[in-house]
C-alpha atoms as a PDB file:
ATOM      1  CA  UNK A   1       3.260   2.895 -15.438  1.00  0.00           C
ATOM      2  CA  UNK A   2       5.628   1.566 -18.187  1.00  0.00           C
ATOM      3  CA  UNK A   3       8.337   0.928 -17.033  1.00  0.00           C
ATOM      4  CA  UNK A   4      10.284   0.142 -20.140  1.00  0.00           C
ATOM      5  CA  UNK A   5       9.570   3.562 -21.621  1.00  0.00           C
ATOM      6  CA  UNK A   6      11.068   5.255 -18.070  1.00  0.00           C
ATOM      7  CA  UNK A   7      14.026   3.219 -18.973  1.00  0.00           C
ATOM      8  CA  UNK A   8      14.098   4.684 -22.321  1.00  0.00           C
ATOM      9  CA  UNK A   9      13.346   8.282 -21.427  1.00  0.00           C
ATOM     10  CA  UNK A  10      14.921   8.823 -18.075  1.00  0.00           C
ATOM     11  CA  UNK A  11      18.220   9.318 -19.386  1.00  0.00           C
ATOM     12  CA  UNK A  12      17.507  12.515 -21.091  1.00  0.00           C
ATOM     13  CA  UNK A  13      15.043  13.693 -18.355  1.00  0.00           C
ATOM     14  CA  UNK A  14      17.669  13.710 -15.788  1.00  0.00           C
ATOM     15  CA  UNK A  15      20.642  14.692 -17.949  1.00  0.00           C
ATOM     16  CA  UNK A  16      20.973  18.198 -17.289  1.00  0.00           C
ATOM     17  CA  UNK A  17      20.514  17.518 -13.069  1.00  0.00           C
ATOM     18  CA  UNK A  18      23.453  15.265 -12.418  1.00  0.00           C
ATOM     19  CA  UNK A  19      27.405  16.231 -11.958  1.00  0.00           C
ATOM     20  CA  UNK A  20      29.452  16.080 -14.929  1.00  0.00           C
ATOM     21  CA  UNK A  21      31.933  14.013 -13.712  1.00  0.00           C
ATOM     22  CA  UNK A  22      29.436  10.845 -12.939  1.00  0.00           C
ATOM     23  CA  UNK A  23      28.880   8.922 -16.011  1.00  0.00           C
ATOM     24  CA  UNK A  24      26.210   7.314 -14.473  1.00  0.00           C
ATOM     25  CA  UNK A  25      22.910   6.923 -12.085  1.00  0.00           C
ATOM     26  CA  UNK A  26      20.783   5.142 -10.046  1.00  0.00           C
ATOM     27  CA  UNK A  27      17.174   5.452  -9.905  1.00  0.00           C
ATOM     28  CA  UNK A  28      13.731   3.302  -8.157  1.00  0.00           C
ATOM     29  CA  UNK A  29      10.394   3.226  -9.783  1.00  0.00           C
ATOM     30  CA  UNK A  30       7.630   4.043  -7.016  1.00  0.00           C
ATOM     31  CA  UNK A  31       4.136   2.399  -8.829  1.00  0.00           C
ATOM     32  CA  UNK A  32       2.126  -0.417  -7.950  1.00  0.00           C
ATOM     33  CA  UNK A  33       4.378  -2.956  -7.692  1.00  0.00           C
ATOM     34  CA  UNK A  34       6.227  -4.014  -4.705  1.00  0.00           C
ATOM     35  CA  UNK A  35       9.952  -3.081  -3.904  1.00  0.00           C
ATOM     36  CA  UNK A  36      12.322  -6.237  -3.608  1.00  0.00           C
ATOM     37  CA  UNK A  37      15.556  -6.350  -1.956  1.00  0.00           C
ATOM     38  CA  UNK A  38      18.641  -7.934  -3.205  1.00  0.00           C
ATOM     39  CA  UNK A  39      17.761 -10.858  -1.480  1.00  0.00           C
ATOM     40  CA  UNK A  40      14.335 -11.132  -2.718  1.00  0.00           C
ATOM     41  CA  UNK A  41      11.998  -9.818  -0.011  1.00  0.00           C
ATOM     42  CA  UNK A  42       9.727  -7.637   0.108  1.00  0.00           C
ATOM     43  CA  UNK A  43      10.258  -4.649   1.200  1.00  0.00           C
ATOM     44  CA  UNK A  44       8.767  -1.223   2.214  1.00  0.00           C
ATOM     45  CA  UNK A  45      10.053   1.900   1.379  1.00  0.00           C
ATOM     46  CA  UNK A  46      11.166   4.669   3.861  1.00  0.00           C
ATOM     47  CA  UNK A  47       9.921   8.586   3.209  1.00  0.00           C
ATOM     48  CA  UNK A  48      12.337  10.531   1.154  1.00  0.00           C
ATOM     49  CA  UNK A  49      12.330  14.089   0.507  1.00  0.00           C
ATOM     50  CA  UNK A  50      13.767  15.605  -2.938  1.00  0.00           C
ATOM     51  CA  UNK A  51      13.328  18.141  -5.579  1.00  0.00           C
ATOM     52  CA  UNK A  52      11.155  17.972  -8.783  1.00  0.00           C
ATOM     53  CA  UNK A  53      13.171  17.516 -12.219  1.00  0.00           C
ATOM     54  CA  UNK A  54      10.381  16.201 -14.182  1.00  0.00           C
ATOM     55  CA  UNK A  55       6.826  15.949 -14.373  1.00  0.00           C
ATOM     56  CA  UNK A  56       4.738  15.024 -16.856  1.00  0.00           C
ATOM     57  CA  UNK A  57       1.856  12.738 -17.458  1.00  0.00           C
ATOM     58  CA  UNK A  58       4.204   9.638 -17.902  1.00  0.00           C
ATOM     59  CA  UNK A  59       6.029   9.977 -14.535  1.00  0.00           C
ATOM     60  CA  UNK A  60       6.965  12.580 -11.659  1.00  0.00           C
ATOM     61  CA  UNK A  61      10.760  12.333 -11.206  1.00  0.00           C
ATOM     62  CA  UNK A  62      12.677  13.601  -7.949  1.00  0.00           C
ATOM     63  CA  UNK A  63      15.935  14.369  -7.162  1.00  0.00           C
ATOM     64  CA  UNK A  64      17.135  12.165  -4.159  1.00  0.00           C
ATOM     65  CA  UNK A  65      20.722  12.683  -4.119  1.00  0.00           C
ATOM     66  CA  UNK A  66      23.152  14.219  -6.964  1.00  0.00           C
ATOM     67  CA  UNK A  67      23.209  11.092  -8.550  1.00  0.00           C
ATOM     68  CA  UNK A  68      20.025   9.397  -7.560  1.00  0.00           C
ATOM     69  CA  UNK A  69      16.312   9.316  -8.118  1.00  0.00           C
ATOM     70  CA  UNK A  70      12.974   8.429  -7.626  1.00  0.00           C
ATOM     71  CA  UNK A  71      10.275   7.898 -10.514  1.00  0.00           C
ATOM     72  CA  UNK A  72       6.783   8.095  -9.343  1.00  0.00           C
ATOM     73  CA  UNK A  73       3.292   6.804 -11.018  1.00  0.00           C
ATOM     74  CA  UNK A  74       1.571  10.257 -11.316  1.00  0.00           C
ATOM     75  CA  UNK A  75      -1.693   8.132 -11.501  1.00  0.00           C
ATOM     76  CA  UNK A  76      -1.142   7.251  -7.838  1.00  0.00           C
ATOM     77  CA  UNK A  77       0.082  10.636  -6.509  1.00  0.00           C
ATOM     78  CA  UNK A  78      -1.939  12.953  -3.967  1.00  0.00           C
ATOM     79  CA  UNK A  79      -0.485  16.043  -5.077  1.00  0.00           C
ATOM     80  CA  UNK A  80       0.851  16.690  -9.022  1.00  0.00           C
ATOM     81  CA  UNK A  81       4.125  18.930  -7.611  1.00  0.00           C
ATOM     82  CA  UNK A  82       5.324  21.595 -10.482  1.00  0.00           C
ATOM     83  CA  UNK A  83       9.125  21.309 -11.614  1.00  0.00           C
ATOM     84  CA  UNK A  84      11.742  22.868  -9.002  1.00  0.00           C
ATOM     85  CA  UNK A  85       9.362  21.780  -5.919  1.00  0.00           C
ATOM     86  CA  UNK A  86      10.873  20.258  -3.115  1.00  0.00           C
ATOM     87  CA  UNK A  87       8.693  17.556  -1.844  1.00  0.00           C
ATOM     88  CA  UNK A  88       8.617  15.040   0.876  1.00  0.00           C
ATOM     89  CA  UNK A  89       7.221  11.761  -0.493  1.00  0.00           C
ATOM     90  CA  UNK A  90       5.965   8.818   1.656  1.00  0.00           C
ATOM     91  CA  UNK A  91       5.646   5.795  -0.836  1.00  0.00           C
ATOM     92  CA  UNK A  92       3.218   3.165   0.840  1.00  0.00           C
ATOM     93  CA  UNK A  93       4.210   0.867   3.294  1.00  0.00           C
ATOM     94  CA  UNK A  94       2.287  -2.375   5.106  1.00  0.00           C
ATOM     95  CA  UNK A  95       1.307  -1.144   8.425  1.00  0.00           C
ATOM     96  CA  UNK A  96       0.590  -2.911  11.951  1.00  0.00           C
ATOM     97  CA  UNK A  97      -3.010  -2.446  13.535  1.00  0.00           C
ATOM     98  CA  UNK A  98      -1.217   0.091  16.397  1.00  0.00           C
ATOM     99  CA  UNK A  99      -0.323   2.189  13.230  1.00  0.00           C
ATOM    100  CA  UNK A 100       3.710   1.394  13.016  1.00  0.00           C
ATOM    101  CA  UNK A 101       5.182   0.306  10.116  1.00  0.00           C
ATOM    102  CA  UNK A 102       5.124  -3.820   9.852  1.00  0.00           C
ATOM    103  CA  UNK A 103       8.718  -3.778   9.428  1.00  0.00           C
ATOM    104  CA  UNK A 104       9.041  -2.100  12.595  1.00  0.00           C
ATOM    105  CA  UNK A 105      11.759  -4.223  14.632  1.00  0.00           C
ATOM    106  CA  UNK A 106       9.920  -6.161  17.715  1.00  0.00           C
ATOM    107  CA  UNK A 107      11.308  -5.597  21.371  1.00  0.00           C
ATOM    108  CA  UNK A 108      10.675  -8.904  23.429  1.00  0.00           C
ATOM    109  CA  UNK A 109      11.402  -8.908  27.372  1.00  0.00           C
ATOM    110  CA  UNK A 110      13.459 -12.245  28.219  1.00  0.00           C
ATOM    111  CA  UNK A 111      14.598 -13.819  31.444  1.00  0.00           C
ATOM    112  CA  UNK A 112      18.220 -14.313  32.178  1.00  0.00           C
ATOM    113  CA  UNK A 113      19.203 -17.723  33.997  1.00  0.00           C
ATOM    114  CA  UNK A 114      19.838 -15.236  37.147  1.00  0.00           C
ATOM    115  CA  UNK A 115      15.747 -14.095  37.031  1.00  0.00           C
ATOM    116  CA  UNK A 116      16.744 -10.881  35.683  1.00  0.00           C
ATOM    117  CA  UNK A 117      14.513  -9.628  32.894  1.00  0.00           C
ATOM    118  CA  UNK A 118      16.289  -8.230  29.927  1.00  0.00           C
ATOM    119  CA  UNK A 119      15.171  -6.898  26.941  1.00  0.00           C
ATOM    120  CA  UNK A 120      15.710  -7.844  22.921  1.00  0.00           C
ATOM    121  CA  UNK A 121      15.185  -6.078  19.410  1.00  0.00           C
ATOM    122  CA  UNK A 122      14.368  -9.221  16.947  1.00  0.00           C
ATOM    123  CA  UNK A 123      14.083  -8.326  13.075  1.00  0.00           C
ATOM    124  CA  UNK A 124      13.256 -11.237  10.534  1.00  0.00           C
ATOM    125  CA  UNK A 125      14.441 -10.309   7.392  1.00  0.00           C
ATOM    126  CA  UNK A 126      11.536 -10.335   4.672  1.00  0.00           C
ATOM    127  CA  UNK A 127       9.057 -10.278   8.148  1.00  0.00           C
ATOM    128  CA  UNK A 128       6.388  -7.719   8.178  1.00  0.00           C
ATOM    129  CA  UNK A 129       3.712  -9.214  10.274  1.00  0.00           C
ATOM    130  CA  UNK A 130       0.510  -7.557  11.767  1.00  0.00           C
ATOM    131  CA  UNK A 131      -1.041  -9.444  14.159  1.00  0.00           C
ATOM    132  CA  UNK A 132      -4.806  -9.388  15.099  1.00  0.00           C
ATOM    133  CA  UNK A 133      -5.422  -7.492  18.462  1.00  0.00           C
ATOM    134  CA  UNK A 134      -7.250 -10.811  19.175  1.00  0.00           C
ATOM    135  CA  UNK A 135      -5.788 -12.453  22.183  1.00  0.00           C
ATOM    136  CA  UNK A 136      -5.131 -16.261  22.089  1.00  0.00           C
ATOM    137  CA  UNK A 137      -8.226 -18.078  21.764  1.00  0.00           C
ATOM    138  CA  UNK A 138      -9.728 -21.866  23.260  1.00  0.00           C
ATOM    139  CA  UNK A 139     -11.159 -22.503  19.992  1.00  0.00           C
ATOM    140  CA  UNK A 140      -8.930 -24.322  17.560  1.00  0.00           C
ATOM    141  CA  UNK A 141     -11.513 -23.129  14.878  1.00  0.00           C
ATOM    142  CA  UNK A 142     -10.826 -19.518  15.915  1.00  0.00           C
ATOM    143  CA  UNK A 143      -7.224 -19.992  16.302  1.00  0.00           C
ATOM    144  CA  UNK A 144      -7.026 -21.374  12.410  1.00  0.00           C
ATOM    145  CA  UNK A 145      -9.056 -18.278  11.313  1.00  0.00           C
ATOM    146  CA  UNK A 146      -6.328 -15.513  13.136  1.00  0.00           C
ATOM    147  CA  UNK A 147      -3.847 -17.170  11.684  1.00  0.00           C
ATOM    148  CA  UNK A 148      -5.163 -17.604   8.236  1.00  0.00           C
ATOM    149  CA  UNK A 149      -6.204 -14.196   8.333  1.00  0.00           C
ATOM    150  CA  UNK A 150      -2.320 -12.962   9.477  1.00  0.00           C
ATOM    151  CA  UNK A 151      -0.366 -15.528   7.217  1.00  0.00           C
ATOM    152  CA  UNK A 152      -2.499 -15.775   3.914  1.00  0.00           C
ATOM    153  CA  UNK A 153      -1.556 -13.693   1.463  1.00  0.00           C
ATOM    154  CA  UNK A 154      -3.406 -11.043   0.123  1.00  0.00           C
ATOM    155  CA  UNK A 155      -4.504 -11.018  -3.645  1.00  0.00           C
ATOM    156  CA  UNK A 156      -2.088  -8.327  -4.790  1.00  0.00           C
ATOM    157  CA  UNK A 157       0.842 -10.807  -3.651  1.00  0.00           C
ATOM    158  CA  UNK A 158       2.499  -8.248  -1.147  1.00  0.00           C
ATOM    159  CA  UNK A 159       0.010  -7.776   1.267  1.00  0.00           C
ATOM    160  CA  UNK A 160      -1.059 -10.287   3.797  1.00  0.00           C
ATOM    161  CA  UNK A 161      -4.649 -10.105   4.485  1.00  0.00           C
ATOM    162  CA  UNK A 162      -3.996  -8.891   7.766  1.00  0.00           C
ATOM    163  CA  UNK A 163      -2.947  -5.419   6.175  1.00  0.00           C
ATOM    164  CA  UNK A 164      -5.314  -5.093   3.600  1.00  0.00           C
ATOM    165  CA  UNK A 165      -7.645  -5.279   6.923  1.00  0.00           C
ATOM    166  CA  UNK A 166      -5.257  -2.143   8.357  1.00  0.00           C
ATOM    167  CA  UNK A 167      -5.684  -0.316   4.943  1.00  0.00           C
ATOM    168  CA  UNK A 168      -9.167  -0.531   5.354  1.00  0.00           C
ATOM    169  CA  UNK A 169      -9.004   0.846   8.775  1.00  0.00           C
ATOM    170  CA  UNK A 170     -10.386  -2.255  10.527  1.00  0.00           C
ATOM    171  CA  UNK A 171     -11.182  -1.146  14.419  1.00  0.00           C
ATOM    172  CA  UNK A 172     -13.473  -1.750  16.967  1.00  0.00           C
ATOM    173  CA  UNK A 173     -12.241  -6.223  17.014  1.00  0.00           C
ATOM    174  CA  UNK A 174     -14.806  -8.234  18.802  1.00  0.00           C
ATOM    175  CA  UNK A 175     -14.717 -11.919  18.603  1.00  0.00           C
ATOM    176  CA  UNK A 176     -16.788 -15.315  19.615  1.00  0.00           C
ATOM    177  CA  UNK A 177     -14.621 -18.043  21.069  1.00  0.00           C
ATOM    178  CA  UNK A 178     -16.999 -20.668  22.217  1.00  0.00           C
ATOM    179  CA  UNK A 179     -16.234 -24.109  24.138  1.00  0.00           C
ATOM    180  CA  UNK A 180     -15.936 -26.751  21.552  1.00  0.00           C
ATOM    181  CA  UNK A 181     -19.407 -28.644  22.128  1.00  0.00           C
ATOM    182  CA  UNK A 182     -20.874 -25.042  21.362  1.00  0.00           C
ATOM    183  CA  UNK A 183     -18.965 -24.338  18.230  1.00  0.00           C
ATOM    184  CA  UNK A 184     -22.214 -25.045  16.194  1.00  0.00           C
ATOM    185  CA  UNK A 185     -24.286 -23.083  18.365  1.00  0.00           C
ATOM    186  CA  UNK A 186     -22.130 -19.960  18.813  1.00  0.00           C
ATOM    187  CA  UNK A 187     -19.989 -20.057  15.549  1.00  0.00           C
ATOM    188  CA  UNK A 188     -16.451 -18.430  15.955  1.00  0.00           C
ATOM    189  CA  UNK A 189     -16.368 -15.112  14.394  1.00  0.00           C
ATOM    190  CA  UNK A 190     -14.526 -12.473  13.842  1.00  0.00           C
ATOM    191  CA  UNK A 191     -15.813  -8.715  13.797  1.00  0.00           C
ATOM    192  CA  UNK A 192     -14.601  -5.445  13.208  1.00  0.00           C
ATOM    193  CA  UNK A 193     -15.802  -2.185  11.684  1.00  0.00           C
ATOM    194  CA  UNK A 194     -13.815  -1.028   8.376  1.00  0.00           C
ATOM    195  CA  UNK A 195     -14.477   2.723   6.561  1.00  0.00           C
ATOM    196  CA  UNK A 196     -13.398   2.761   3.050  1.00  0.00           C
ATOM    197  CA  UNK A 197     -14.731   3.497  -0.129  1.00  0.00           C
ATOM    198  CA  UNK A 198     -16.573   0.871  -0.823  1.00  0.00           C
ATOM    199  CA  UNK A 199     -17.834  -0.168   2.085  1.00  0.00           C
ATOM    200  CA  UNK A 200     -18.177   1.802   5.479  1.00  0.00           C
ATOM    201  CA  UNK A 201     -19.653  -0.805   8.796  1.00  0.00           C
ATOM    202  CA  UNK A 202     -19.259  -3.979  10.298  1.00  0.00           C
ATOM    203  CA  UNK A 203     -17.629  -6.784   8.946  1.00  0.00           C
ATOM    204  CA  UNK A 204     -18.259 -10.392  10.348  1.00  0.00           C
ATOM    205  CA  UNK A 205     -16.538 -13.649   9.415  1.00  0.00           C
ATOM    206  CA  UNK A 206     -18.038 -16.609  10.760  1.00  0.00           C
ATOM    207  CA  UNK A 207     -16.666 -20.474  10.730  1.00  0.00           C
ATOM    208  CA  UNK A 208     -19.635 -22.540   9.104  1.00  0.00           C
ATOM    209  CA  UNK A 209     -18.663 -25.981  10.819  1.00  0.00           C
ATOM    210  CA  UNK A 210     -21.073 -28.064   8.586  1.00  0.00           C
ATOM    211  CA  UNK A 211     -19.379 -26.882   5.731  1.00  0.00           C
ATOM    212  CA  UNK A 212     -16.326 -25.776   6.998  1.00  0.00           C
ATOM    213  CA  UNK A 213     -16.045 -22.641   5.544  1.00  0.00           C
ATOM    214  CA  UNK A 214     -16.656 -18.991   6.308  1.00  0.00           C
ATOM    215  CA  UNK A 215     -19.444 -17.018   5.435  1.00  0.00           C
ATOM    216  CA  UNK A 216     -18.449 -13.040   5.413  1.00  0.00           C
ATOM    217  CA  UNK A 217     -21.496 -10.545   6.096  1.00  0.00           C
ATOM    218  CA  UNK A 218     -21.508  -6.816   6.066  1.00  0.00           C
ATOM    219  CA  UNK A 219     -23.908  -4.817   7.978  1.00  0.00           C
ATOM    220  CA  UNK A 220     -24.806  -1.138   7.890  1.00  0.00           C
ATOM    221  CA  UNK A 221     -26.324   0.275  11.218  1.00  0.00           C
ATOM    222  CA  UNK A 222     -26.931  -3.064  12.211  1.00  0.00           C
ATOM    223  CA  UNK A 223     -29.231  -4.178   8.933  1.00  0.00           C
ATOM    224  CA  UNK A 224     -27.513  -6.964   6.879  1.00  0.00           C
ATOM    225  CA  UNK A 225     -26.425  -5.458   3.630  1.00  0.00           C
ATOM    226  CA  UNK A 226     -24.431  -8.286   1.956  1.00  0.00           C
ATOM    227  CA  UNK A 227     -23.651 -11.789   3.196  1.00  0.00           C
ATOM    228  CA  UNK A 228     -21.455 -14.107   1.100  1.00  0.00           C
ATOM    229  CA  UNK A 229     -21.746 -17.757   2.249  1.00  0.00           C
ATOM    230  CA  UNK A 230     -18.987 -20.803   1.363  1.00  0.00           C
ATOM    231  CA  UNK A 231     -16.363 -18.641   1.254  1.00  0.00           C
ATOM    232  CA  UNK A 232     -13.075 -21.031   1.654  1.00  0.00           C
ATOM    233  CA  UNK A 233      -9.623 -20.160   3.148  1.00  0.00           C
ATOM    234  CA  UNK A 234      -8.201 -20.200   0.009  1.00  0.00           C
ATOM    235  CA  UNK A 235     -10.605 -17.478  -1.366  1.00  0.00           C
ATOM    236  CA  UNK A 236     -11.255 -15.366   1.880  1.00  0.00           C
ATOM    237  CA  UNK A 237      -8.702 -12.726   0.935  1.00  0.00           C
ATOM    238  CA  UNK A 238     -10.413 -12.611  -2.561  1.00  0.00           C
ATOM    239  CA  UNK A 239     -13.625 -11.923  -0.823  1.00  0.00           C
ATOM    240  CA  UNK A 240     -12.737  -9.376   1.401  1.00  0.00           C
ATOM    241  CA  UNK A 241     -10.661  -7.418  -1.223  1.00  0.00           C
ATOM    242  CA  UNK A 242     -13.829  -7.607  -3.661  1.00  0.00           C
ATOM    243  CA  UNK A 243     -16.068  -6.337  -0.389  1.00  0.00           C
ATOM    244  CA  UNK A 244     -13.752  -3.881   1.363  1.00  0.00           C
ATOM    245  CA  UNK A 245     -10.355  -3.158  -0.707  1.00  0.00           C
ATOM    246  CA  UNK A 246     -10.844   0.252  -2.360  1.00  0.00           C
ATOM    247  CA  UNK A 247      -7.360  -0.058  -3.763  1.00  0.00           C
ATOM    248  CA  UNK A 248      -6.446   3.905  -2.465  1.00  0.00           C
ATOM    249  CA  UNK A 249      -3.259   1.643  -0.390  1.00  0.00           C
ATOM    250  CA  UNK A 250      -1.347   2.218  -3.664  1.00  0.00           C
ATOM    251  CA  UNK A 251      -1.781   5.836  -3.370  1.00  0.00           C
ATOM    252  CA  UNK A 252       1.941   7.963  -2.749  1.00  0.00           C
ATOM    253  CA  UNK A 253       2.028  10.419  -0.668  1.00  0.00           C
ATOM    254  CA  UNK A 254       3.174  13.632  -1.802  1.00  0.00           C
ATOM    255  CA  UNK A 255       3.518  17.120   0.352  1.00  0.00           C
ATOM    256  CA  UNK A 256       5.152  19.842  -1.383  1.00  0.00           C
ATOM    257  CA  UNK A 257       7.532  21.469   0.913  1.00  0.00           C
ATOM    258  CA  UNK A 258       8.617  24.486  -1.282  1.00  0.00           C
ATOM    259  CA  UNK A 259       5.695  25.109  -3.786  1.00  0.00           C
ATOM    260  CA  UNK A 260       6.544  29.282  -3.656  1.00  0.00           C
ATOM    261  CA  UNK A 261      10.190  28.970  -4.900  1.00  0.00           C
ATOM    262  CA  UNK A 262       8.949  26.620  -7.623  1.00  0.00           C
ATOM    263  CA  UNK A 263       6.055  28.895  -8.832  1.00  0.00           C
ATOM    264  CA  UNK A 264       8.728  32.105  -8.920  1.00  0.00           C
ATOM    265  CA  UNK A 265      11.087  30.280 -10.931  1.00  0.00           C
ATOM    266  CA  UNK A 266       8.424  28.988 -13.612  1.00  0.00           C
ATOM    267  CA  UNK A 267       7.014  32.440 -13.518  1.00  0.00           C
ATOM    268  CA  UNK A 268      10.819  34.162 -14.850  1.00  0.00           C
ATOM    269  CA  UNK A 269      10.824  31.219 -16.810  1.00  0.00           C
ATOM    270  CA  UNK A 270       7.898  32.308 -18.740  1.00  0.00           C
END
């Protein structure tokens, strides 16, 4: 989406939809670029409802409040609504493996000095972790792999690698957690199933002690269909993106909640 173009044409698109006593309006663009807070943190936008006031090949403009608008990239929406339609919009948000938004506050149970448990809700600004569903391992190398998947950025620089796995539908995790003496005979590994337009099957990430690197294997119905060796930690996200990320996470879900009324208005206008 050409944001400079949007900035220049938006005043004319919303001119008839802003109250006469309002001299300015606000808008936010929803495209393939991450949203940022006033403090510079990457944030995950919330779903919202609104009315479509303009829809063309360059932008879909949704009125959210009397002087506030959302501009959607028409190439990313799941449904292209007509003007006048009321819509429910769900922009992309990073998620955890349990399906919750990754920015969901963490509820922690602590124990007070008197031995009584109590709960606290904790949220770190700018934090949106996606913890792998794997218990703390005994093998240091497996622990480092888990940490790298959870903390290293994906190539898009907005998600972590773990978010990319969530978006690929990663499930049914298994892992190999060997004793230090058996790290060569039984290499540390993490396996999971994904389902994307690029690949549907089993993915395994193995640690290669000799090369101090990883190998990524793809299997379908138990048969090896692809293998990438000598994958170092700083290229792990790029390799996984090439193999399993189909880009559909960019999509903006648009659900029309009042299409009939919009079509009637268009028929009368015609």
